[in-house]
């Protein structure tokens, strides 16, 4: 894979995630111009630790950026859409969002009818936070009134 192709993948992922050059540069700890040079293929010596840091900042598979994988997303790191919105909120907004999600769990029609749980009302007690949020996002998207 050429440097230009690597740069195109970085740019594609950055655009897809709606992240600025500044955002990535700060997360990676390099200058904005460095990220820009990676994107344009002007960096002649690709530094794998920098590419890995860029991938982590973009939440994409580092192997995809360098062309060693066709899988852009990391299955274990896929972030539910609801988390993307949640992360944009300040502390007050996060508190309000949590209250609203908790209210949704008190409405039976929004709860899963999963027989693996001892008690549907307490199903969330047995799930990790990312699984809870993913489940909520799926349930909301499946709601005919949404």
N, C-alpha and C. Protein backbone atom coordinates (compact mmCIF):
# COMPACT_ATOMS: atom_id res chain seq x y z
N UNK A 1 0.85 -1.18 0.00
CA UNK A 1 0.00 0.00 0.00
C UNK A 1 0.90 1.24 0.00
N UNK A 2 0.54 2.22 -0.82
CA UNK A 2 1.34 3.44 -0.91
C UNK A 2 1.01 4.40 0.22
N UNK A 3 1.89 5.37 0.41
CA UNK A 3 1.65 6.39 1.44
C UNK A 3 0.39 7.18 1.13
N UNK A 4 0.13 7.42 -0.15
CA UNK A 4 -1.08 8.15 -0.56
C UNK A 4 -2.34 7.35 -0.21
N UNK A 5 -2.29 6.03 -0.39
CA UNK A 5 -3.45 5.19 -0.06
C UNK A 5 -3.68 5.19 1.46
N UNK A 6 -2.61 5.12 2.22
CA UNK A 6 -2.73 5.19 3.68
C UNK A 6 -3.35 6.54 4.06
N UNK A 7 -2.84 7.59 3.45
CA UNK A 7 -3.38 8.93 3.71
C UNK A 7 -4.85 9.04 3.36
N UNK A 8 -5.25 8.43 2.24
CA UNK A 8 -6.67 8.45 1.85
C UNK A 8 -7.54 7.75 2.87
N UNK A 9 -7.03 6.66 3.42
CA UNK A 9 -7.81 5.94 4.44
C UNK A 9 -7.93 6.76 5.72
N UNK A 10 -6.85 7.43 6.10
CA UNK A 10 -6.91 8.29 7.29
C UNK A 10 -7.93 9.39 7.08
N UNK A 11 -7.87 10.03 5.92
CA UNK A 11 -8.79 11.13 5.60
C UNK A 11 -10.23 10.62 5.57
N UNK A 12 -10.43 9.46 4.94
CA UNK A 12 -11.77 8.87 4.86
C UNK A 12 -12.34 8.64 6.26
N UNK A 13 -11.54 8.02 7.13
CA UNK A 13 -11.99 7.72 8.49
C UNK A 13 -12.25 9.01 9.27
N UNK A 14 -11.40 9.99 9.08
CA UNK A 14 -11.57 11.27 9.78
C UNK A 14 -12.86 11.95 9.34
N UNK A 15 -13.12 11.96 8.03
CA UNK A 15 -14.36 12.55 7.51
C UNK A 15 -15.58 11.78 8.00
N UNK A 16 -15.47 10.46 7.98
CA UNK A 16 -16.58 9.61 8.43
C UNK A 16 -16.91 9.86 9.90
N UNK A 17 -15.90 10.07 10.71
CA UNK A 17 -16.09 10.31 12.14
C UNK A 17 -16.36 11.78 12.45
N UNK A 18 -16.28 12.62 11.41
CA UNK A 18 -16.52 14.06 11.58
C UNK A 18 -15.57 14.65 12.62
N UNK A 19 -14.28 14.39 12.41
CA UNK A 19 -13.23 14.82 13.33
C UNK A 19 -12.30 15.77 12.57
N UNK A 20 -11.86 16.83 13.22
CA UNK A 20 -10.97 17.79 12.57
C UNK A 20 -9.51 17.35 12.66
N UNK A 21 -8.68 17.96 11.83
CA UNK A 21 -7.25 17.72 11.91
C UNK A 21 -6.72 18.07 13.29
N UNK A 22 -7.22 19.18 13.83
CA UNK A 22 -6.80 19.61 15.18
C UNK A 22 -7.13 18.55 16.22
N UNK A 23 -8.35 18.00 16.14
CA UNK A 23 -8.77 16.98 17.10
C UNK A 23 -7.81 15.79 17.09
N UNK A 24 -7.52 15.30 15.90
CA UNK A 24 -6.64 14.13 15.78
C UNK A 24 -5.23 14.48 16.25
N UNK A 25 -4.73 15.63 15.82
CA UNK A 25 -3.37 16.04 16.21
C UNK A 25 -3.23 16.10 17.73
N UNK A 26 -4.23 16.66 18.40
CA UNK A 26 -4.18 16.74 19.87
C UNK A 26 -4.18 15.36 20.51
N UNK A 27 -5.03 14.47 19.98
CA UNK A 27 -5.12 13.12 20.56
C UNK A 27 -3.83 12.33 20.33
N UNK A 28 -3.21 12.54 19.17
CA UNK A 28 -2.01 11.79 18.82
C UNK A 28 -0.76 12.42 19.42
N UNK A 29 -0.81 13.73 19.66
CA UNK A 29 0.34 14.42 20.21
C UNK A 29 1.34 14.89 19.16
N UNK A 30 0.82 15.20 17.96
CA UNK A 30 1.66 15.73 16.89
C UNK A 30 1.03 17.01 16.37
N UNK A 31 1.73 17.69 15.49
CA UNK A 31 1.22 18.93 14.91
C UNK A 31 0.11 18.61 13.89
N UNK A 32 -0.80 19.55 13.74
CA UNK A 32 -1.87 19.43 12.75
C UNK A 32 -1.28 19.18 11.36
N UNK A 33 -0.18 19.87 11.06
CA UNK A 33 0.46 19.72 9.74
C UNK A 33 0.98 18.30 9.52
N UNK A 34 1.36 17.62 10.60
CA UNK A 34 1.82 16.23 10.48
C UNK A 34 0.68 15.33 10.03
N UNK A 35 -0.49 15.49 10.64
CA UNK A 35 -1.65 14.69 10.24
C UNK A 35 -1.99 15.01 8.78
N UNK A 36 -1.95 16.28 8.43
CA UNK A 36 -2.25 16.70 7.07
C UNK A 36 -1.27 16.06 6.08
N UNK A 37 0.02 16.00 6.45
CA UNK A 37 1.02 15.38 5.57
C UNK A 37 0.80 13.87 5.45
N UNK A 38 0.35 13.23 6.51
CA UNK A 38 0.00 11.81 6.41
C UNK A 38 -1.15 11.65 5.42
N UNK A 39 -2.17 12.49 5.55
CA UNK A 39 -3.35 12.39 4.68
C UNK A 39 -3.02 12.62 3.21
N UNK A 40 -2.10 13.51 2.94
CA UNK A 40 -1.76 13.81 1.55
C UNK A 40 -0.68 12.89 1.00
N UNK A 41 -0.15 12.00 1.83
CA UNK A 41 0.87 11.06 1.38
C UNK A 41 2.25 11.67 1.29
N UNK A 42 2.44 12.83 1.90
CA UNK A 42 3.73 13.52 1.82
C UNK A 42 4.74 13.05 2.87
N UNK A 43 4.30 12.23 3.80
CA UNK A 43 5.23 11.64 4.77
C UNK A 43 5.88 10.46 4.07
N UNK A 44 7.18 10.51 3.90
CA UNK A 44 7.85 9.44 3.16
C UNK A 44 8.16 8.23 4.04
N UNK A 45 8.40 8.48 5.32
CA UNK A 45 8.67 7.38 6.25
C UNK A 45 7.50 7.27 7.21
N UNK A 46 6.64 6.29 6.95
CA UNK A 46 5.48 6.07 7.80
C UNK A 46 5.95 5.49 9.14
N UNK A 47 5.56 6.14 10.21
CA UNK A 47 5.91 5.65 11.55
C UNK A 47 4.71 4.88 12.09
N UNK A 48 4.90 3.57 12.26
CA UNK A 48 3.81 2.70 12.69
C UNK A 48 3.18 3.16 14.01
N UNK A 49 3.96 3.57 15.02
CA UNK A 49 3.32 4.05 16.26
C UNK A 49 2.41 5.26 16.03
N UNK A 50 2.78 6.14 15.10
CA UNK A 50 1.94 7.30 14.81
C UNK A 50 0.67 6.85 14.10
N UNK A 51 0.79 5.94 13.14
CA UNK A 51 -0.38 5.42 12.44
C UNK A 51 -1.31 4.71 13.42
N UNK A 52 -0.74 3.94 14.34
CA UNK A 52 -1.56 3.28 15.36
C UNK A 52 -2.29 4.30 16.22
N UNK A 53 -1.60 5.35 16.61
CA UNK A 53 -2.22 6.40 17.42
C UNK A 53 -3.34 7.10 16.65
N UNK A 54 -3.12 7.34 15.37
CA UNK A 54 -4.16 7.96 14.54
C UNK A 54 -5.37 7.03 14.47
N UNK A 55 -5.11 5.75 14.27
CA UNK A 55 -6.21 4.77 14.19
C UNK A 55 -7.00 4.73 15.50
N UNK A 56 -6.30 4.74 16.61
CA UNK A 56 -6.98 4.72 17.91
C UNK A 56 -7.80 5.99 18.09
N UNK A 57 -7.24 7.12 17.69
CA UNK A 57 -7.97 8.40 17.81
C UNK A 57 -9.22 8.40 16.94
N UNK A 58 -9.17 7.67 15.82
CA UNK A 58 -10.31 7.59 14.91
C UNK A 58 -11.21 6.39 15.18
N UNK A 59 -10.81 5.56 16.15
CA UNK A 59 -11.54 4.35 16.49
C UNK A 59 -11.69 3.43 15.28
N UNK A 60 -10.58 3.22 14.58
CA UNK A 60 -10.57 2.29 13.44
C UNK A 60 -9.43 1.30 13.61
N UNK A 61 -9.50 0.24 12.86
CA UNK A 61 -8.52 -0.83 12.88
C UNK A 61 -7.20 -0.33 12.26
N UNK A 62 -6.10 -0.31 13.03
CA UNK A 62 -4.82 0.13 12.46
C UNK A 62 -4.41 -0.70 11.25
N UNK A 63 -4.71 -1.99 11.25
CA UNK A 63 -4.37 -2.84 10.11
C UNK A 63 -5.12 -2.42 8.85
N UNK A 64 -6.31 -1.89 9.00
CA UNK A 64 -7.07 -1.39 7.85
C UNK A 64 -6.38 -0.17 7.25
N UNK A 65 -5.90 0.74 8.11
CA UNK A 65 -5.25 1.95 7.61
C UNK A 65 -4.05 1.60 6.73
N UNK A 66 -3.27 0.61 7.12
CA UNK A 66 -2.07 0.26 6.35
C UNK A 66 -2.33 -0.82 5.30
N UNK A 67 -3.61 -1.18 5.11
CA UNK A 67 -3.97 -2.12 4.05
C UNK A 67 -3.78 -3.58 4.37
N UNK A 68 -3.62 -3.91 5.63
CA UNK A 68 -3.44 -5.32 6.02
C UNK A 68 -4.75 -5.99 6.38
N UNK A 69 -5.84 -5.24 6.38
CA UNK A 69 -7.17 -5.77 6.70
C UNK A 69 -8.21 -5.01 5.91
N UNK A 70 -9.28 -5.69 5.56
CA UNK A 70 -10.41 -5.04 4.89
C UNK A 70 -11.43 -4.52 5.91
N UNK A 71 -11.25 -4.90 7.18
CA UNK A 71 -12.17 -4.51 8.24
C UNK A 71 -11.75 -3.17 8.84
N UNK A 72 -12.52 -2.13 8.54
CA UNK A 72 -12.20 -0.82 9.08
C UNK A 72 -12.54 -0.73 10.57
N UNK A 73 -13.69 -1.25 10.93
CA UNK A 73 -14.15 -1.18 12.32
C UNK A 73 -13.54 -2.29 13.15
N UNK A 74 -13.27 -1.97 14.39
CA UNK A 74 -12.83 -2.98 15.34
C UNK A 74 -14.07 -3.51 16.05
N UNK A 75 -14.41 -4.78 15.89
CA UNK A 75 -15.64 -5.30 16.50
C UNK A 75 -15.75 -5.02 17.98
N UNK A 76 -14.64 -5.12 18.70
CA UNK A 76 -14.69 -4.91 20.14
C UNK A 76 -14.77 -3.43 20.51
N UNK A 77 -14.54 -2.55 19.53
CA UNK A 77 -14.53 -1.13 19.83
C UNK A 77 -15.63 -0.36 19.11
N UNK A 78 -16.54 -1.06 18.45
CA UNK A 78 -17.62 -0.34 17.79
C UNK A 78 -18.42 0.42 18.84
N UNK A 79 -18.60 1.67 18.61
CA UNK A 79 -19.29 2.52 19.57
C UNK A 79 -20.73 2.70 19.12
N UNK A 80 -21.70 2.34 19.98
CA UNK A 80 -23.09 2.57 19.61
C UNK A 80 -23.33 4.04 19.31
N UNK A 81 -24.20 4.32 18.35
CA UNK A 81 -24.49 5.69 17.95
C UNK A 81 -24.88 6.55 19.14
N UNK A 82 -25.61 5.98 20.08
CA UNK A 82 -26.05 6.75 21.25
C UNK A 82 -24.85 7.28 22.03
N UNK A 83 -23.74 6.54 22.04
CA UNK A 83 -22.55 6.99 22.76
C UNK A 83 -21.90 8.18 22.06
N UNK A 84 -21.98 8.21 20.73
CA UNK A 84 -21.43 9.36 20.00
C UNK A 84 -22.15 10.63 20.42
N UNK A 85 -23.48 10.54 20.56
CA UNK A 85 -24.25 11.70 21.01
C UNK A 85 -23.95 12.02 22.47
N UNK A 86 -23.90 10.98 23.29
CA UNK A 86 -23.65 11.14 24.72
C UNK A 86 -22.32 11.85 24.97
N UNK A 87 -21.29 11.48 24.23
CA UNK A 87 -19.96 12.07 24.43
C UNK A 87 -19.92 13.55 24.09
N UNK A 88 -20.88 14.05 23.33
CA UNK A 88 -20.93 15.47 22.99
C UNK A 88 -21.54 16.31 24.11
N UNK A 89 -22.15 15.66 25.08
CA UNK A 89 -22.85 16.37 26.15
C UNK A 89 -21.92 16.82 27.26
N UNK A 90 -22.30 17.92 27.94
CA UNK A 90 -21.57 18.33 29.14
C UNK A 90 -22.11 17.49 30.31
N UNK A 91 -21.61 17.73 31.51
CA UNK A 91 -22.00 16.92 32.66
C UNK A 91 -23.50 16.97 32.93
N UNK A 92 -24.09 18.15 32.80
CA UNK A 92 -25.53 18.29 33.04
C UNK A 92 -26.30 17.49 31.98
N UNK A 93 -25.89 17.61 30.74
CA UNK A 93 -26.55 16.86 29.66
C UNK A 93 -26.42 15.36 29.84
N UNK A 94 -25.24 14.91 30.29
CA UNK A 94 -25.04 13.47 30.52
C UNK A 94 -25.95 12.98 31.64
N UNK A 95 -26.11 13.79 32.67
CA UNK A 95 -27.00 13.42 33.77
C UNK A 95 -28.44 13.30 33.25
N UNK A 96 -28.89 14.29 32.48
CA UNK A 96 -30.25 14.27 31.93
C UNK A 96 -30.45 13.07 31.00
N UNK A 97 -29.45 12.79 30.17
CA UNK A 97 -29.54 11.66 29.25
C UNK A 97 -29.68 10.35 30.02
N UNK A 98 -28.90 10.21 31.08
CA UNK A 98 -28.97 9.01 31.91
C UNK A 98 -30.35 8.86 32.53
N UNK A 99 -30.91 9.96 33.01
CA UNK A 99 -32.27 9.93 33.58
C UNK A 99 -33.28 9.46 32.53
N UNK A 100 -33.16 9.98 31.32
CA UNK A 100 -34.10 9.61 30.26
C UNK A 100 -33.98 8.14 29.88
N UNK A 101 -32.75 7.65 29.80
CA UNK A 101 -32.54 6.25 29.47
C UNK A 101 -33.10 5.36 30.58
N UNK A 102 -32.89 5.77 31.82
CA UNK A 102 -33.43 5.00 32.95
C UNK A 102 -34.95 4.94 32.86
N UNK A 103 -35.58 6.07 32.51
CA UNK A 103 -37.04 6.08 32.35
C UNK A 103 -37.48 5.10 31.27
N UNK A 104 -36.74 5.03 30.18
CA UNK A 104 -37.09 4.09 29.11
C UNK A 104 -37.07 2.64 29.60
N UNK A 105 -36.16 2.33 30.52
CA UNK A 105 -36.07 0.96 31.02
C UNK A 105 -37.24 0.59 31.93
N UNK A 106 -38.02 1.58 32.32
CA UNK A 106 -39.18 1.32 33.16
C UNK A 106 -40.45 1.10 32.34
N UNK A 107 -40.34 1.22 31.01
CA UNK A 107 -41.48 1.02 30.12
C UNK A 107 -41.34 -0.38 29.51
N UNK A 108 -42.24 -1.30 29.87
CA UNK A 108 -42.12 -2.70 29.43
C UNK A 108 -41.95 -2.87 27.91
N UNK A 109 -42.59 -2.04 27.12
CA UNK A 109 -42.50 -2.25 25.67
C UNK A 109 -41.10 -1.98 25.13
N UNK A 110 -40.25 -1.30 25.89
CA UNK A 110 -38.89 -1.04 25.45
C UNK A 110 -37.89 -2.07 25.97
N UNK A 111 -38.32 -2.95 26.84
CA UNK A 111 -37.43 -3.96 27.41
C UNK A 111 -37.40 -5.20 26.54
N UNK A 112 -36.26 -5.83 26.49
CA UNK A 112 -36.13 -7.09 25.75
C UNK A 112 -36.90 -8.19 26.45
N UNK A 113 -37.35 -9.09 25.67
CA UNK A 113 -38.01 -10.28 26.23
C UNK A 113 -37.03 -11.44 26.12
N UNK A 114 -35.90 -11.28 26.76
CA UNK A 114 -34.83 -12.25 26.69
C UNK A 114 -34.96 -13.21 27.86
N UNK A 115 -35.10 -14.48 27.55
CA UNK A 115 -35.29 -15.49 28.60
C UNK A 115 -34.00 -15.80 29.36
N UNK A 116 -32.87 -15.28 28.91
CA UNK A 116 -31.61 -15.53 29.61
C UNK A 116 -31.50 -14.74 30.90
N UNK A 117 -32.39 -13.78 31.09
CA UNK A 117 -32.32 -12.95 32.28
C UNK A 117 -33.27 -13.49 33.35
N UNK A 118 -32.84 -13.38 34.59
CA UNK A 118 -33.64 -13.85 35.71
C UNK A 118 -34.91 -13.01 35.84
N UNK A 119 -34.75 -11.70 35.77
CA UNK A 119 -35.88 -10.79 35.93
C UNK A 119 -35.70 -9.66 34.93
N UNK A 120 -36.64 -9.51 34.01
CA UNK A 120 -36.52 -8.51 32.94
C UNK A 120 -36.34 -7.10 33.51
N UNK A 121 -36.95 -6.83 34.65
CA UNK A 121 -36.84 -5.49 35.23
C UNK A 121 -35.41 -5.19 35.68
N UNK A 122 -34.64 -6.24 35.94
CA UNK A 122 -33.26 -6.05 36.39
C UNK A 122 -32.25 -6.61 35.39
N UNK A 123 -32.66 -6.76 34.15
CA UNK A 123 -31.78 -7.32 33.13
C UNK A 123 -30.50 -6.51 32.99
N UNK A 124 -30.60 -5.21 33.10
CA UNK A 124 -29.44 -4.35 32.92
C UNK A 124 -28.36 -4.59 33.96
N UNK A 125 -28.73 -5.14 35.12
CA UNK A 125 -27.75 -5.41 36.16
C UNK A 125 -26.72 -6.44 35.72
N UNK A 126 -27.06 -7.24 34.71
CA UNK A 126 -26.18 -8.33 34.27
C UNK A 126 -25.45 -8.00 32.97
N UNK A 127 -25.55 -6.77 32.50
CA UNK A 127 -24.94 -6.39 31.24
C UNK A 127 -23.87 -5.31 31.46
N UNK A 128 -22.89 -5.31 30.57
CA UNK A 128 -21.88 -4.24 30.64
C UNK A 128 -22.50 -2.95 30.11
N UNK A 129 -21.90 -1.83 30.44
CA UNK A 129 -22.42 -0.52 30.01
C UNK A 129 -22.52 -0.42 28.49
N UNK A 130 -21.49 -0.83 27.72
CA UNK A 130 -21.62 -0.74 26.26
C UNK A 130 -22.75 -1.61 25.72
N UNK A 131 -22.95 -2.81 26.34
CA UNK A 131 -24.04 -3.68 25.90
C UNK A 131 -25.40 -3.06 26.21
N UNK A 132 -25.49 -2.41 27.37
CA UNK A 132 -26.74 -1.74 27.73
C UNK A 132 -27.08 -0.66 26.72
N UNK A 133 -26.08 0.15 26.39
CA UNK A 133 -26.32 1.25 25.45
C UNK A 133 -26.63 0.74 24.06
N UNK A 134 -25.94 -0.31 23.64
CA UNK A 134 -26.22 -0.89 22.33
C UNK A 134 -27.65 -1.43 22.29
N UNK A 135 -28.04 -2.11 23.35
CA UNK A 135 -29.39 -2.65 23.42
C UNK A 135 -30.43 -1.54 23.35
N UNK A 136 -30.19 -0.46 24.09
CA UNK A 136 -31.12 0.66 24.08
C UNK A 136 -31.23 1.26 22.69
N UNK A 137 -30.08 1.45 22.05
CA UNK A 137 -30.09 2.02 20.70
C UNK A 137 -30.89 1.13 19.75
N UNK A 138 -30.69 -0.19 19.82
CA UNK A 138 -31.42 -1.12 18.96
C UNK A 138 -32.92 -1.06 19.24
N UNK A 139 -33.28 -1.03 20.51
CA UNK A 139 -34.69 -0.99 20.88
C UNK A 139 -35.37 0.29 20.40
N UNK A 140 -34.68 1.40 20.54
CA UNK A 140 -35.25 2.67 20.10
C UNK A 140 -35.41 2.67 18.58
N UNK A 141 -34.41 2.18 17.87
CA UNK A 141 -34.46 2.16 16.41
C UNK A 141 -35.56 1.21 15.91
N UNK A 142 -35.86 0.17 16.69
CA UNK A 142 -36.92 -0.77 16.33
C UNK A 142 -38.30 -0.26 16.66
N UNK A 143 -38.40 0.77 17.48
CA UNK A 143 -39.69 1.30 17.91
C UNK A 143 -40.39 1.93 16.72
N UNK A 144 -41.61 1.49 16.44
CA UNK A 144 -42.37 1.99 15.29
C UNK A 144 -42.71 3.48 15.41
N UNK A 145 -42.69 4.02 16.62
CA UNK A 145 -42.99 5.44 16.83
C UNK A 145 -41.78 6.33 16.72
N UNK A 146 -40.59 5.74 16.52
CA UNK A 146 -39.35 6.52 16.48
C UNK A 146 -39.20 7.19 15.14
